[in-house]
Amino acid sequence: MNKFYLKEFQFFDGEDTIVFNILALYEGCDKITVAVTRCGKISVSDYDLHSDENGLYFEYGIAGQEHIHINDFEEA
């Protein structure tokens, strides 16, 4: 079982609080599938995974300016 399944992270983008829930983490092919809830609307998106000194992350927002780190997700 995926230890990250449905873990949640909340992010404030300056206007709205965005909630991310991990649906699938594909470490072998560096992909993640996330449910993104913003303003009451839910979308499911795939993102490429990257890594830095803080671990795995995906890029979100305009031009990928925000780095959302997988280690910041918690049990919902």
PDB file of N, CA and C in Angstrom:
ATOM      1  N   MET A   1       0.844  -1.190   0.000  1.00  0.00           N
ATOM      2  CA  MET A   1       0.000   0.000   0.000  1.00  0.00           C
ATOM      3  C   MET A   1       0.887   1.251   0.000  1.00  0.00           C
ATOM      4  N   ASN A   2       0.457   2.263  -0.697  1.00  0.00           N
ATOM      5  CA  ASN A   2       1.204   3.511  -0.799  1.00  0.00           C
ATOM      6  C   ASN A   2       1.106   4.280   0.513  1.00  0.00           C
ATOM      7  N   LYS A   3       2.229   4.501   1.179  1.00  0.00           N
ATOM      8  CA  LYS A   3       2.220   5.174   2.480  1.00  0.00           C
ATOM      9  C   LYS A   3       1.820   6.645   2.384  1.00  0.00           C
ATOM     10  N   PHE A   4       1.796   7.196   1.177  1.00  0.00           N
ATOM     11  CA  PHE A   4       1.425   8.589   0.984  1.00  0.00           C
ATOM     12  C   PHE A   4      -0.041   8.769   0.582  1.00  0.00           C
ATOM     13  N   TYR A   5      -0.766   7.670   0.318  1.00  0.00           N
ATOM     14  CA  TYR A   5      -2.125   7.740  -0.218  1.00  0.00           C
ATOM     15  C   TYR A   5      -3.033   8.612   0.645  1.00  0.00           C
ATOM     16  N   LEU A   6      -3.653   9.580   0.028  1.00  0.00           N
ATOM     17  CA  LEU A   6      -4.594  10.529   0.615  1.00  0.00           C
ATOM     18  C   LEU A   6      -3.995  11.459   1.666  1.00  0.00           C
ATOM     19  N   LYS A   7      -2.696  11.479   1.811  1.00  0.00           N
ATOM     20  CA  LYS A   7      -2.102  12.471   2.706  1.00  0.00           C
ATOM     21  C   LYS A   7      -2.414  13.861   2.145  1.00  0.00           C
ATOM     22  N   GLU A   8      -2.481  14.824   3.042  1.00  0.00           N
ATOM     23  CA  GLU A   8      -2.985  16.142   2.674  1.00  0.00           C
ATOM     24  C   GLU A   8      -1.968  17.237   2.982  1.00  0.00           C
ATOM     25  N   PHE A   9      -1.999  18.274   2.142  1.00  0.00           N
ATOM     26  CA  PHE A   9      -1.187  19.459   2.377  1.00  0.00           C
ATOM     27  C   PHE A   9      -2.022  20.667   1.998  1.00  0.00           C
ATOM     28  N   GLN A  10      -2.050  21.698   2.861  1.00  0.00           N
ATOM     29  CA  GLN A  10      -2.766  22.925   2.562  1.00  0.00           C
ATOM     30  C   GLN A  10      -1.765  24.026   2.267  1.00  0.00           C
ATOM     31  N   PHE A  11      -2.063  24.785   1.217  1.00  0.00           N
ATOM     32  CA  PHE A  11      -1.163  25.826   0.737  1.00  0.00           C
ATOM     33  C   PHE A  11      -1.970  27.090   0.476  1.00  0.00           C
ATOM     34  N   PHE A  12      -1.536  28.217   1.006  1.00  0.00           N
ATOM     35  CA  PHE A  12      -2.190  29.497   0.750  1.00  0.00           C
ATOM     36  C   PHE A  12      -1.410  30.236  -0.324  1.00  0.00           C
ATOM     37  N   ASP A  13      -2.077  30.555  -1.434  1.00  0.00           N
ATOM     38  CA  ASP A  13      -1.387  31.168  -2.574  1.00  0.00           C
ATOM     39  C   ASP A  13      -1.468  32.695  -2.592  1.00  0.00           C
ATOM     40  N   GLY A  14      -1.951  33.289  -1.498  1.00  0.00           N
ATOM     41  CA  GLY A  14      -2.110  34.744  -1.454  1.00  0.00           C
ATOM     42  C   GLY A  14      -3.556  35.151  -1.615  1.00  0.00           C
ATOM     43  N   GLU A  15      -4.375  34.277  -2.209  1.00  0.00           N
ATOM     44  CA  GLU A  15      -5.800  34.526  -2.389  1.00  0.00           C
ATOM     45  C   GLU A  15      -6.653  33.434  -1.770  1.00  0.00           C
ATOM     46  N   ASP A  16      -6.281  32.191  -2.024  1.00  0.00           N
ATOM     47  CA  ASP A  16      -7.092  31.044  -1.612  1.00  0.00           C
ATOM     48  C   ASP A  16      -6.225  29.989  -0.940  1.00  0.00           C
ATOM     49  N   THR A  17      -6.875  29.191  -0.093  1.00  0.00           N
ATOM     50  CA  THR A  17      -6.215  28.013   0.458  1.00  0.00           C
ATOM     51  C   THR A  17      -6.475  26.857  -0.493  1.00  0.00           C
ATOM     52  N   ILE A  18      -5.423  26.224  -0.931  1.00  0.00           N
ATOM     53  CA  ILE A  18      -5.504  25.107  -1.861  1.00  0.00           C
ATOM     54  C   ILE A  18      -5.151  23.850  -1.086  1.00  0.00           C
ATOM     55  N   VAL A  19      -5.973  22.811  -1.246  1.00  0.00           N
ATOM     56  CA  VAL A  19      -5.742  21.548  -0.550  1.00  0.00           C
ATOM     57  C   VAL A  19      -5.304  20.513  -1.577  1.00  0.00           C
ATOM     58  N   PHE A  20      -4.175  19.874  -1.309  1.00  0.00           N
ATOM     59  CA  PHE A  20      -3.653  18.811  -2.161  1.00  0.00           C
ATOM     60  C   PHE A  20      -3.809  17.483  -1.419  1.00  0.00           C
ATOM     61  N   ASN A  21      -4.311  16.470  -2.105  1.00  0.00           N
ATOM     62  CA  ASN A  21      -4.356  15.109  -1.568  1.00  0.00           C
ATOM     63  C   ASN A  21      -3.664  14.188  -2.556  1.00  0.00           C
ATOM     64  N   ILE A  22      -2.711  13.409  -2.066  1.00  0.00           N
ATOM     65  CA  ILE A  22      -1.976  12.484  -2.931  1.00  0.00           C
ATOM     66  C   ILE A  22      -2.853  11.282  -3.253  1.00  0.00           C
ATOM     67  N   LEU A  23      -3.007  10.993  -4.539  1.00  0.00           N
ATOM     68  CA  LEU A  23      -3.743   9.817  -4.975  1.00  0.00           C
ATOM     69  C   LEU A  23      -2.803   8.687  -5.348  1.00  0.00           C
ATOM     70  N   ALA A  24      -1.685   9.021  -5.983  1.00  0.00           N
ATOM     71  CA  ALA A  24      -0.701   8.005  -6.376  1.00  0.00           C
ATOM     72  C   ALA A  24       0.659   8.670  -6.502  1.00  0.00           C
ATOM     73  N   LEU A  25       1.669   7.924  -6.065  1.00  0.00           N
ATOM     74  CA  LEU A  25       3.046   8.400  -6.155  1.00  0.00           C
ATOM     75  C   LEU A  25       3.836   7.364  -6.936  1.00  0.00           C
ATOM     76  N   TYR A  26       4.319   7.751  -8.102  1.00  0.00           N
ATOM     77  CA  TYR A  26       5.031   6.838  -8.997  1.00  0.00           C
ATOM     78  C   TYR A  26       6.518   7.156  -8.941  1.00  0.00           C
ATOM     79  N   GLU A  27       7.185   6.696  -7.901  1.00  0.00           N
ATOM     80  CA  GLU A  27       8.599   7.027  -7.725  1.00  0.00           C
ATOM     81  C   GLU A  27       9.467   6.473  -8.847  1.00  0.00           C
ATOM     82  N   GLY A  28       9.115   5.319  -9.399  1.00  0.00           N
ATOM     83  CA  GLY A  28       9.910   4.722 -10.462  1.00  0.00           C
ATOM     84  C   GLY A  28       9.935   5.560 -11.727  1.00  0.00           C
ATOM     85  N   CYS A  29       8.847   6.300 -11.971  1.00  0.00           N
ATOM     86  CA  CYS A  29       8.813   7.123 -13.190  1.00  0.00           C
ATOM     87  C   CYS A  29       8.693   8.612 -12.860  1.00  0.00           C
ATOM     88  N   ASP A  30       8.942   8.971 -11.606  1.00  0.00           N
ATOM     89  CA  ASP A  30       8.978  10.376 -11.183  1.00  0.00           C
ATOM     90  C   ASP A  30       7.702  11.148 -11.501  1.00  0.00           C
ATOM     91  N   LYS A  31       6.551  10.548 -11.170  1.00  0.00           N
ATOM     92  CA  LYS A  31       5.243  11.195 -11.367  1.00  0.00           C
ATOM     93  C   LYS A  31       4.439  11.104 -10.080  1.00  0.00           C
ATOM     94  N   ILE A  32       3.534  12.055  -9.897  1.00  0.00           N
ATOM     95  CA  ILE A  32       2.596  12.031  -8.785  1.00  0.00           C
ATOM     96  C   ILE A  32       1.231  12.440  -9.320  1.00  0.00           C
ATOM     97  N   THR A  33       0.183  11.815  -8.793  1.00  0.00           N
ATOM     98  CA  THR A  33      -1.185  12.192  -9.121  1.00  0.00           C
ATOM     99  C   THR A  33      -1.791  12.784  -7.852  1.00  0.00           C
ATOM    100  N   VAL A  34      -2.334  13.996  -7.992  1.00  0.00           N
ATOM    101  CA  VAL A  34      -2.825  14.743  -6.839  1.00  0.00           C
ATOM    102  C   VAL A  34      -4.227  15.269  -7.121  1.00  0.00           C
ATOM    103  N   ALA A  35      -5.114  15.172  -6.111  1.00  0.00           N
ATOM    104  CA  ALA A  35      -6.408  15.856  -6.163  1.00  0.00           C
ATOM    105  C   ALA A  35      -6.175  17.252  -5.612  1.00  0.00           C
ATOM    106  N   VAL A  36      -6.568  18.253  -6.381  1.00  0.00           N
ATOM    107  CA  VAL A  36      -6.354  19.648  -5.998  1.00  0.00           C
ATOM    108  C   VAL A  36      -7.718  20.299  -5.777  1.00  0.00           C
ATOM    109  N   THR A  37      -7.952  20.795  -4.546  1.00  0.00           N
ATOM    110  CA  THR A  37      -9.223  21.449  -4.226  1.00  0.00           C
ATOM    111  C   THR A  37      -8.955  22.936  -4.039  1.00  0.00           C
ATOM    112  N   ARG A  38      -9.642  23.732  -4.874  1.00  0.00           N
ATOM    113  CA  ARG A  38      -9.479  25.190  -4.807  1.00  0.00           C
ATOM    114  C   ARG A  38     -10.833  25.833  -5.056  1.00  0.00           C
ATOM    115  N   CYS A  39     -11.256  26.681  -4.150  1.00  0.00           N
ATOM    116  CA  CYS A  39     -12.542  27.381  -4.260  1.00  0.00           C
ATOM    117  C   CYS A  39     -13.703  26.396  -4.433  1.00  0.00           C
ATOM    118  N   GLY A  40     -13.635  25.253  -3.767  1.00  0.00           N
ATOM    119  CA  GLY A  40     -14.703  24.263  -3.836  1.00  0.00           C
ATOM    120  C   GLY A  40     -14.673  23.378  -5.063  1.00  0.00           C
ATOM    121  N   LYS A  41     -13.748  23.595  -5.956  1.00  0.00           N
ATOM    122  CA  LYS A  41     -13.634  22.783  -7.166  1.00  0.00           C
ATOM    123  C   LYS A  41     -12.470  21.813  -7.016  1.00  0.00           C
ATOM    124  N   ILE A  42     -12.719  20.564  -7.407  1.00  0.00           N
ATOM    125  CA  ILE A  42     -11.693  19.530  -7.304  1.00  0.00           C
ATOM    126  C   ILE A  42     -11.252  19.127  -8.699  1.00  0.00           C
ATOM    127  N   SER A  43      -9.947  19.074  -8.881  1.00  0.00           N
ATOM    128  CA  SER A  43      -9.396  18.575 -10.135  1.00  0.00           C
ATOM    129  C   SER A  43      -8.322  17.553  -9.794  1.00  0.00           C
ATOM    130  N   VAL A  44      -8.093  16.632 -10.701  1.00  0.00           N
ATOM    131  CA  VAL A  44      -7.052  15.628 -10.525  1.00  0.00           C
ATOM    132  C   VAL A  44      -5.978  15.906 -11.564  1.00  0.00           C
ATOM    133  N   SER A  45      -4.745  16.043 -11.102  1.00  0.00           N
ATOM    134  CA  SER A  45      -3.647  16.393 -12.007  1.00  0.00           C
ATOM    135  C   SER A  45      -2.431  15.522 -11.744  1.00  0.00           C
ATOM    136  N   ASP A  46      -1.680  15.277 -12.804  1.00  0.00           N
ATOM    137  CA  ASP A  46      -0.395  14.591 -12.707  1.00  0.00           C
ATOM    138  C   ASP A  46       0.705  15.646 -12.775  1.00  0.00           C
ATOM    139  N   TYR A  47       1.727  15.461 -11.944  1.00  0.00           N
ATOM    140  CA  TYR A  47       2.866  16.372 -11.922  1.00  0.00           C
ATOM    141  C   TYR A  47       4.147  15.565 -11.989  1.00  0.00           C
ATOM    142  N   ASP A  48       5.176  16.165 -12.559  1.00  0.00           N
ATOM    143  CA  ASP A  48       6.514  15.566 -12.540  1.00  0.00           C
ATOM    144  C   ASP A  48       7.122  15.799 -11.165  1.00  0.00           C
ATOM    145  N   LEU A  49       7.827  14.787 -10.661  1.00  0.00           N
ATOM    146  CA  LEU A  49       8.531  14.925  -9.389  1.00  0.00           C
ATOM    147  C   LEU A  49       9.968  15.373  -9.629  1.00  0.00           C
ATOM    148  N   HIS A  50      10.444  16.225  -8.759  1.00  0.00           N
ATOM    149  CA  HIS A  50      11.814  16.718  -8.776  1.00  0.00           C
ATOM    150  C   HIS A  50      12.376  16.513  -7.372  1.00  0.00           C
ATOM    151  N   SER A  51      13.658  16.718  -7.193  1.00  0.00           N
ATOM    152  CA  SER A  51      14.209  16.623  -5.840  1.00  0.00           C
ATOM    153  C   SER A  51      15.214  17.739  -5.605  1.00  0.00           C
ATOM    154  N   ASP A  52      15.298  18.127  -4.342  1.00  0.00           N
ATOM    155  CA  ASP A  52      16.293  19.097  -3.901  1.00  0.00           C
ATOM    156  C   ASP A  52      16.753  18.673  -2.510  1.00  0.00           C
ATOM    157  N   GLU A  53      17.400  19.571  -1.792  1.00  0.00           N
ATOM    158  CA  GLU A  53      17.925  19.219  -0.465  1.00  0.00           C
ATOM    159  C   GLU A  53      16.824  18.877   0.538  1.00  0.00           C
ATOM    160  N   ASN A  54      15.575  19.248   0.249  1.00  0.00           N
ATOM    161  CA  ASN A  54      14.449  18.963   1.141  1.00  0.00           C
ATOM    162  C   ASN A  54      13.638  17.742   0.705  1.00  0.00           C
ATOM    163  N   GLY A  55      14.076  17.039  -0.319  1.00  0.00           N
ATOM    164  CA  GLY A  55      13.393  15.833  -0.774  1.00  0.00           C
ATOM    165  C   GLY A  55      12.603  16.029  -2.051  1.00  0.00           C
ATOM    166  N   LEU A  56      11.668  15.112  -2.288  1.00  0.00           N
ATOM    167  CA  LEU A  56      10.855  15.147  -3.510  1.00  0.00           C
ATOM    168  C   LEU A  56       9.822  16.267  -3.452  1.00  0.00           C
ATOM    169  N   TYR A  57       9.583  16.898  -4.615  1.00  0.00           N
ATOM    170  CA  TYR A  57       8.567  17.940  -4.702  1.00  0.00           C
ATOM    171  C   TYR A  57       8.002  17.982  -6.112  1.00  0.00           C
ATOM    172  N   PHE A  58       6.841  18.644  -6.234  1.00  0.00           N
ATOM    173  CA  PHE A  58       6.314  18.961  -7.560  1.00  0.00           C
ATOM    174  C   PHE A  58       6.089  20.462  -7.621  1.00  0.00           C
ATOM    175  N   GLU A  59       6.070  20.972  -8.838  1.00  0.00           N
ATOM    176  CA  GLU A  59       5.938  22.410  -9.048  1.00  0.00           C
ATOM    177  C   GLU A  59       4.469  22.758  -9.279  1.00  0.00           C
ATOM    178  N   TYR A  60       4.021  23.853  -8.646  1.00  0.00           N
ATOM    179  CA  TYR A  60       2.641  24.291  -8.757  1.00  0.00           C
ATOM    180  C   TYR A  60       2.607  25.803  -8.940  1.00  0.00           C
ATOM    181  N   GLY A  61       1.576  26.270  -9.607  1.00  0.00           N
ATOM    182  CA  GLY A  61       1.379  27.708  -9.770  1.00  0.00           C
ATOM    183  C   GLY A  61       1.923  28.209 -11.090  1.00  0.00           C
ATOM    184  N   ILE A  62       1.926  29.505 -11.212  1.00  0.00           N
ATOM    185  CA  ILE A  62       2.385  30.142 -12.440  1.00  0.00           C
ATOM    186  C   ILE A  62       3.851  29.807 -12.655  1.00  0.00           C
ATOM    187  N   ALA A  63       4.137  29.199 -13.778  1.00  0.00           N
ATOM    188  CA  ALA A  63       5.502  28.803 -14.163  1.00  0.00           C
ATOM    189  C   ALA A  63       6.154  27.900 -13.116  1.00  0.00           C
ATOM    190  N   GLY A  64       5.333  27.169 -12.353  1.00  0.00           N
ATOM    191  CA  GLY A  64       5.885  26.239 -11.375  1.00  0.00           C
ATOM    192  C   GLY A  64       6.659  26.912 -10.261  1.00  0.00           C
ATOM    193  N   GLN A  65       6.266  28.141  -9.915  1.00  0.00           N
ATOM    194  CA  GLN A  65       7.030  28.919  -8.942  1.00  0.00           C
ATOM    195  C   GLN A  65       6.972  28.357  -7.520  1.00  0.00           C
ATOM    196  N   GLU A  66       5.952  27.601  -7.190  1.00  0.00           N
ATOM    197  CA  GLU A  66       5.839  27.028  -5.850  1.00  0.00           C
ATOM    198  C   GLU A  66       6.297  25.576  -5.866  1.00  0.00           C
ATOM    199  N   HIS A  67       7.128  25.217  -4.926  1.00  0.00           N
ATOM    200  CA  HIS A  67       7.576  23.833  -4.787  1.00  0.00           C
ATOM    201  C   HIS A  67       6.814  23.213  -3.628  1.00  0.00           C
ATOM    202  N   ILE A  68       6.002  22.202  -3.938  1.00  0.00           N
ATOM    203  CA  ILE A  68       5.207  21.510  -2.931  1.00  0.00           C
ATOM    204  C   ILE A  68       5.936  20.222  -2.590  1.00  0.00           C
ATOM    205  N   HIS A  69       6.523  20.154  -1.394  1.00  0.00           N
ATOM    206  CA  HIS A  69       7.338  18.999  -0.978  1.00  0.00           C
ATOM    207  C   HIS A  69       6.469  17.876  -0.427  1.00  0.00           C
ATOM    208  N   ILE A  70       6.752  16.666  -0.860  1.00  0.00           N
ATOM    209  CA  ILE A  70       5.995  15.497  -0.451  1.00  0.00           C
ATOM    210  C   ILE A  70       6.089  15.294   1.069  1.00  0.00           C
ATOM    211  N   ASN A  71       7.233  15.585   1.655  1.00  0.00           N
ATOM    212  CA  ASN A  71       7.421  15.390   3.095  1.00  0.00           C
ATOM    213  C   ASN A  71       6.561  16.332   3.935  1.00  0.00           C
ATOM    214  N   ASP A  72       5.981  17.383   3.335  1.00  0.00           N
ATOM    215  CA  ASP A  72       5.124  18.309   4.062  1.00  0.00           C
ATOM    216  C   ASP A  72       3.692  17.801   4.187  1.00  0.00           C
ATOM    217  N   PHE A  73       3.346  16.734   3.480  1.00  0.00           N
ATOM    218  CA  PHE A  73       1.987  16.181   3.538  1.00  0.00           C
ATOM    219  C   PHE A  73       1.803  15.435   4.845  1.00  0.00           C
ATOM    220  N   GLU A  74       0.563  15.504   5.381  1.00  0.00           N
ATOM    221  CA  GLU A  74       0.232  14.850   6.642  1.00  0.00           C
ATOM    222  C   GLU A  74      -1.043  14.038   6.493  1.00  0.00           C
ATOM    223  N   GLU A  75      -1.305  13.170   7.475  1.00  0.00           N
ATOM    224  CA  GLU A  75      -2.543  12.403   7.494  1.00  0.00           C
ATOM    225  C   GLU A  75      -3.715  13.382   7.552  1.00  0.00           C
ATOM    226  N   ALA A  76      -4.736  13.126   6.744  1.00  0.00           N
ATOM    227  CA  ALA A  76      -5.911  14.007   6.713  1.00  0.00           C
ATOM    228  C   ALA A  76      -6.853  13.700   7.856  1.00  0.00           C
TER     229      ALA A  76
END
